[in-house]
Protein backbone atom coordinates (compact mmCIF):
# COMPACT_ATOMS: atom_id res chain seq x y z
CA MET A 1 123.51 101.47 169.81
CA HIS A 2 123.81 105.22 170.87
CA THR A 3 120.74 105.21 172.90
CA LYS A 4 122.01 102.44 174.83
CA GLN A 5 125.52 104.05 175.25
CA MET A 6 127.15 101.11 173.66
CA TYR A 7 130.01 103.20 172.19
CA ASN A 8 131.57 106.74 172.60
CA LYS A 9 132.58 107.96 169.28
CA THR A 10 132.64 105.77 166.20
CA VAL A 11 134.54 106.37 162.74
CA LEU A 12 133.35 104.47 159.64
CA TYR A 13 135.23 104.09 156.33
CA VAL A 14 132.99 102.41 153.85
CA GLU A 15 134.18 101.12 150.46
CA ALA A 16 131.48 100.31 148.31
CA CYS A 17 129.46 101.27 145.17
CA GLU A 18 126.89 104.23 145.94
CA SER A 19 128.19 103.87 149.56
CA GLY A 20 127.04 107.43 150.21
CA SER A 21 123.48 106.08 150.22
CA MET A 22 123.92 104.41 153.27
CA PHE A 23 124.25 107.72 155.04
CA GLU A 24 122.80 110.35 152.99
CA GLY A 25 119.72 111.83 154.72
CA VAL A 26 119.92 108.88 157.32
CA LEU A 27 123.16 109.67 159.68
CA PRO A 28 122.30 112.38 162.01
CA PRO A 29 125.06 114.75 163.29
CA ASN A 30 124.26 114.18 166.73
CA ILE A 31 124.95 110.63 167.48
CA ASN A 32 128.83 110.75 167.99
CA MET A 33 129.46 108.99 164.63
CA PHE A 34 131.54 110.21 161.49
CA ALA A 35 131.47 108.22 158.32
CA THR A 36 133.44 108.77 155.19
CA THR A 37 132.59 106.73 151.75
CA ALA A 38 134.22 105.88 148.63
CA ALA A 39 131.60 107.34 146.60
CA SER A 40 128.41 109.34 146.58
CA ALA A 41 124.87 107.91 146.59
CA ASP A 42 124.71 107.25 142.95
CA GLU A 43 128.12 106.29 141.57
CA SER A 44 130.39 103.46 141.48
CA SER A 45 133.47 102.96 143.50
CA TYR A 46 136.59 101.75 141.63
CA ALA A 47 139.01 98.56 142.00
CA CYS A 48 142.80 99.06 141.41
CA TYR A 49 146.17 97.59 141.64
CA TYR A 50 145.67 94.53 139.20
CA ASP A 51 148.28 91.71 139.78
CA ASP A 52 148.88 89.54 136.78
CA VAL A 53 150.20 86.59 139.19
CA ARG A 54 147.21 86.43 141.29
CA GLN A 55 144.99 87.45 138.46
CA THR A 56 142.83 90.02 140.53
CA TYR A 57 142.72 93.29 141.90
CA LEU A 58 144.31 93.95 145.13
CA GLY A 59 142.74 97.07 145.89
CA ASP A 60 140.11 99.73 145.85
CA VAL A 61 141.02 103.44 145.05
CA TYR A 62 139.45 105.12 148.08
CA SER A 63 140.63 102.30 150.80
CA VAL A 64 144.33 102.07 149.05
CA ASN A 65 144.37 106.32 149.50
CA TRP A 66 143.16 106.49 153.11
CA MET A 67 145.33 103.26 154.34
CA GLU A 68 148.42 104.51 152.35
CA ASP A 69 147.83 107.91 154.05
CA SER A 70 147.90 106.39 157.23
CA ASP A 71 151.02 104.40 156.63
CA ALA A 72 152.81 107.95 155.57
CA GLU A 73 151.66 110.23 158.13
CA ASN A 74 151.96 110.91 162.00
CA LEU A 75 148.56 109.94 162.98
CA LYS A 76 148.73 111.64 166.43
CA SER A 77 149.09 115.07 164.45
CA GLU A 78 146.87 114.19 161.41
CA THR A 79 143.16 114.87 161.89
CA LEU A 80 140.46 112.94 160.51
CA GLU A 81 139.46 116.04 158.39
CA THR A 82 142.95 116.20 156.97
CA GLN A 83 142.93 112.62 156.09
CA PHE A 84 139.49 113.12 154.44
CA GLU A 85 140.76 115.87 152.37
CA ILE A 86 143.89 114.08 151.08
CA THR A 87 141.96 110.90 150.31
CA LYS A 88 139.33 113.12 148.51
CA ASN A 89 141.85 114.86 146.42
CA GLU A 90 143.83 111.61 145.50
CA THR A 91 140.79 109.77 144.48
CA ASN A 92 139.76 111.08 141.11
CA THR A 93 137.67 108.09 140.03
CA SER A 94 134.63 108.90 142.25
CA HIS A 95 133.51 111.55 144.85
CA VAL A 96 134.47 110.79 148.26
CA GLN A 97 132.15 111.88 150.89
CA GLN A 98 131.57 112.63 154.61
CA TYR A 99 128.67 112.40 156.88
CA GLY A 100 127.54 112.49 160.39
CA ASP A 101 129.21 114.26 163.51
CA MET A 102 131.77 116.83 162.04
CA THR A 103 133.23 117.80 165.15
CA ILE A 104 134.89 114.14 165.32
CA SER A 105 136.75 115.05 161.99
CA LYS A 106 138.76 117.58 164.12
CA LEU A 107 140.18 114.68 166.20
CA SER A 108 143.51 112.86 165.53
CA VAL A 109 143.41 109.73 163.40
CA SER A 110 145.23 107.82 166.01
CA GLY A 111 142.46 108.01 168.38
CA PHE A 112 140.66 105.60 166.31
CA GLN A 113 143.11 103.64 164.20
CA GLY A 114 145.86 103.51 167.09
CA GLU A 115 149.24 104.68 167.51
CA LYS A 116 152.17 103.54 165.14
CA ASP A 117 155.51 102.44 166.84
CA THR A 118 157.34 102.62 163.46
CA GLU A 119 158.45 105.38 161.32
CA PRO A 120 155.92 106.47 158.67
CA LYS A 121 156.24 104.36 155.20
CA HIS A 122 156.17 105.97 151.76
CA VAL A 123 154.96 103.38 149.29
CA PRO A 124 156.16 103.48 145.70
CA GLU A 125 154.01 105.17 143.03
CA VAL A 126 152.37 102.44 140.40
CA PRO A 127 149.43 102.78 138.09
CA PHE A 128 146.15 102.31 139.68
CA ASP A 129 144.69 100.81 136.62
CA ALA A 130 141.29 101.59 138.02
CA VAL A 131 138.12 100.11 136.89
CA PRO A 132 134.50 100.24 138.34
CA SER A 133 134.07 97.76 140.97
CA ARG A 134 131.03 96.17 139.59
CA ASP A 135 132.98 95.45 136.44
CA VAL A 136 135.76 93.53 138.22
CA PRO A 137 134.88 90.28 136.82
CA LEU A 138 134.49 91.71 133.23
CA HIS A 139 137.83 93.31 133.29
CA ILE A 140 139.57 90.15 134.64
CA LEU A 141 138.34 88.03 131.85
CA GLN A 142 139.50 90.50 129.48
CA LYS A 143 142.79 90.82 131.01
CA LYS A 144 143.27 87.11 130.97
CA LEU A 145 142.24 86.72 127.32
CA HIS A 146 144.60 89.69 126.05
CA LYS A 147 147.61 87.60 127.30
CA LEU A 148 146.48 84.37 125.56
CA ASN A 149 146.66 83.14 121.77
CA SER A 150 143.07 83.60 120.56
CA ASN A 151 142.88 80.41 119.26
CA SER A 152 143.91 78.37 122.27
CA LEU A 153 141.60 76.16 124.14
CA GLU A 154 141.89 78.39 127.37
CA ALA A 155 141.26 81.29 125.23
CA ARG A 156 138.07 79.92 123.74
CA GLU A 157 136.76 78.84 127.32
CA LEU A 158 137.36 82.31 128.49
CA GLN A 159 135.42 83.58 125.49
CA LYS A 160 132.54 81.45 126.30
CA SER A 161 132.78 82.91 130.15
CA LEU A 162 132.89 86.25 128.71
CA PHE A 163 129.97 85.80 126.66
CA LYS A 164 128.05 84.11 129.29
CA LEU A 165 128.81 87.10 131.74
CA ASN A 166 127.44 89.62 129.33
CA ARG A 167 124.36 87.54 128.26
CA ASN A 168 123.47 87.14 131.88
CA ARG A 169 123.57 90.81 132.53
CA VAL A 170 121.28 91.55 129.39
CA TYR A 171 118.96 88.80 130.66
CA LEU A 172 118.66 90.63 134.05
CA ASP A 173 118.19 94.19 132.45
CA ASP A 174 115.50 92.88 130.10
CA LYS A 175 113.66 91.44 133.24
CA VAL A 176 114.05 94.61 135.21
CA ASN A 177 112.91 96.64 132.14
CA GLU A 178 109.71 94.55 131.93
CA ILE A 179 108.94 94.99 135.52
CA VAL A 180 109.29 98.97 134.98
CA ARG A 181 106.96 98.66 131.97
CA ARG A 182 104.16 96.73 134.02
CA SER A 183 104.46 98.97 137.08
CA VAL A 184 103.82 102.31 135.36
CA LYS A 185 101.55 103.43 132.71
CA THR A 186 103.40 105.72 130.26
CA ASP A 187 106.63 105.67 128.11
CA GLU A 188 107.67 108.67 129.89
CA GLN A 189 107.49 107.13 133.47
CA VAL A 190 109.61 104.19 132.08
CA THR A 191 112.19 106.46 130.81
CA TYR A 192 112.35 108.60 133.94
CA ALA A 193 112.38 105.55 136.21
CA LYS A 194 115.44 104.29 134.34
CA THR A 195 117.32 107.40 134.03
CA GLN A 196 117.02 109.40 137.24
CA ARG A 197 118.53 109.06 140.58
CA LYS A 198 116.23 110.10 142.99
CA SER A 199 117.17 110.37 146.63
CA LEU A 200 115.55 107.62 148.83
CA GLN A 201 113.01 109.14 151.10
CA ASN A 202 110.20 106.46 151.03
CA LEU A 203 112.17 103.69 153.04
CA ASP A 204 109.23 101.28 153.54
CA CYS A 205 108.28 101.17 149.92
CA TYR A 206 111.90 100.55 148.85
CA ASP A 207 112.46 97.90 151.67
CA THR A 208 109.44 96.07 150.69
CA VAL A 209 110.10 96.10 147.18
CA ALA A 210 114.01 95.17 147.41
CA ARG A 211 113.15 92.25 149.54
CA TYR A 212 110.52 90.99 147.43
CA PHE A 213 112.82 91.29 144.22
CA SER A 214 115.54 89.51 145.97
CA LYS A 215 113.33 86.87 147.15
CA GLU A 216 111.18 86.38 143.78
CA CYS A 217 113.41 87.63 141.00
CA PHE A 218 116.85 87.78 141.66
CA SER A 219 118.73 87.20 145.12
CA LEU A 220 120.99 90.40 145.64
CA SER A 221 123.63 88.41 147.65
CA GLN A 222 123.78 85.75 144.77
CA ASN A 223 123.83 88.09 141.82
CA ASN A 224 126.02 91.18 142.43
CA TYR A 225 125.04 92.92 139.21
CA ALA A 226 121.50 93.18 140.42
CA MET A 227 122.33 95.64 142.88
CA SER A 228 123.29 98.01 140.06
CA LYS A 229 119.50 98.19 139.11
CA MET A 230 118.14 98.91 142.57
CA TYR A 231 118.24 102.72 142.08
CA ILE A 232 115.35 101.98 139.50
CA PHE A 233 113.23 100.58 142.44
CA VAL A 234 114.14 103.81 144.51
CA ASN A 235 112.90 106.00 141.70
CA LEU A 236 109.71 104.02 141.39
CA CYS A 237 108.98 104.24 145.00
CA GLU A 238 109.52 108.10 144.74
CA MET A 239 107.45 108.57 141.84
CA GLY A 240 104.49 107.16 143.88
CA VAL A 241 104.08 103.76 142.41
CA LYS A 242 102.82 101.50 145.17
CA PRO A 243 104.73 98.16 146.23
CA LYS A 244 101.62 96.40 145.43
CA ALA A 245 101.89 97.22 141.76
CA MET A 246 105.60 96.35 141.52
CA LYS A 247 105.23 93.04 143.38
CA LYS A 248 102.36 92.05 140.90
CA ALA A 249 104.77 92.91 138.00
CA MET A 250 107.55 90.84 139.61
CA ASP A 251 105.10 88.04 139.90
CA ARG A 252 104.47 88.16 136.26
CA VAL A 253 107.84 88.88 134.97
CA CYS A 254 109.89 86.68 137.36
CA THR A 255 108.62 83.01 136.35
CA HIS A 256 112.26 81.78 135.94
CA PRO A 257 113.78 79.26 138.34
CA SER A 258 116.64 80.74 140.85
CA ILE A 259 119.41 82.04 139.19
CA TYR A 260 122.89 82.73 140.78
CA GLY A 261 126.05 84.19 139.77
CA ILE A 262 125.32 87.23 137.70
CA TYR A 263 128.26 89.56 138.22
């Protein structure tokens, strides 16, 4: 897009677990693009503002902080750098990051979000009640259960759902652990692959393995929990394990029918 001059300057706000991994070592500083992320390359982002009526979380800590800042400040005078620092300081659940062309951060927020016709708004302070974003389904079930009589039919159904959620996570964990064991030669390598958080350099290896895992083992678009395990394949690639070895291990381990809905 930059080569084809399809934009002048671009600013990105990215709310996602491990969102820093999208830009760390990837986004160059000379293509007129500035990005901030909810988290570093190896940590979760956090959901917040649980609503008892809707029985869900209404926001995410990083996004709530920068959007509430936009409501409260004069966007003509506030710079992206100032907003980043405010958001970074107020987001105490993860480490907010910035990437790309830092000269863009000196520009006013209004140049990218538009100018406000109304006076700045100050929202009341309420508890964040923040939880890791990938554990939102777990925490919602727990909150629902907390409000019920444990012997009621609805409570028993929720307990079954909670048990199933945890059981499915353990099932996926076991499958990934077995893939790792079949891909390397020593217990030390297994431990290393499961405990380290290596920076991704071997993009070709990872892309090949991630696509194969999603196709043959657990669809990444249909099993959100599987995303939390992808760092292991980054580690294996950076350890020098060949895609062929990992694909062979997946062929032997992933003999189950298609599974969807592991959150």
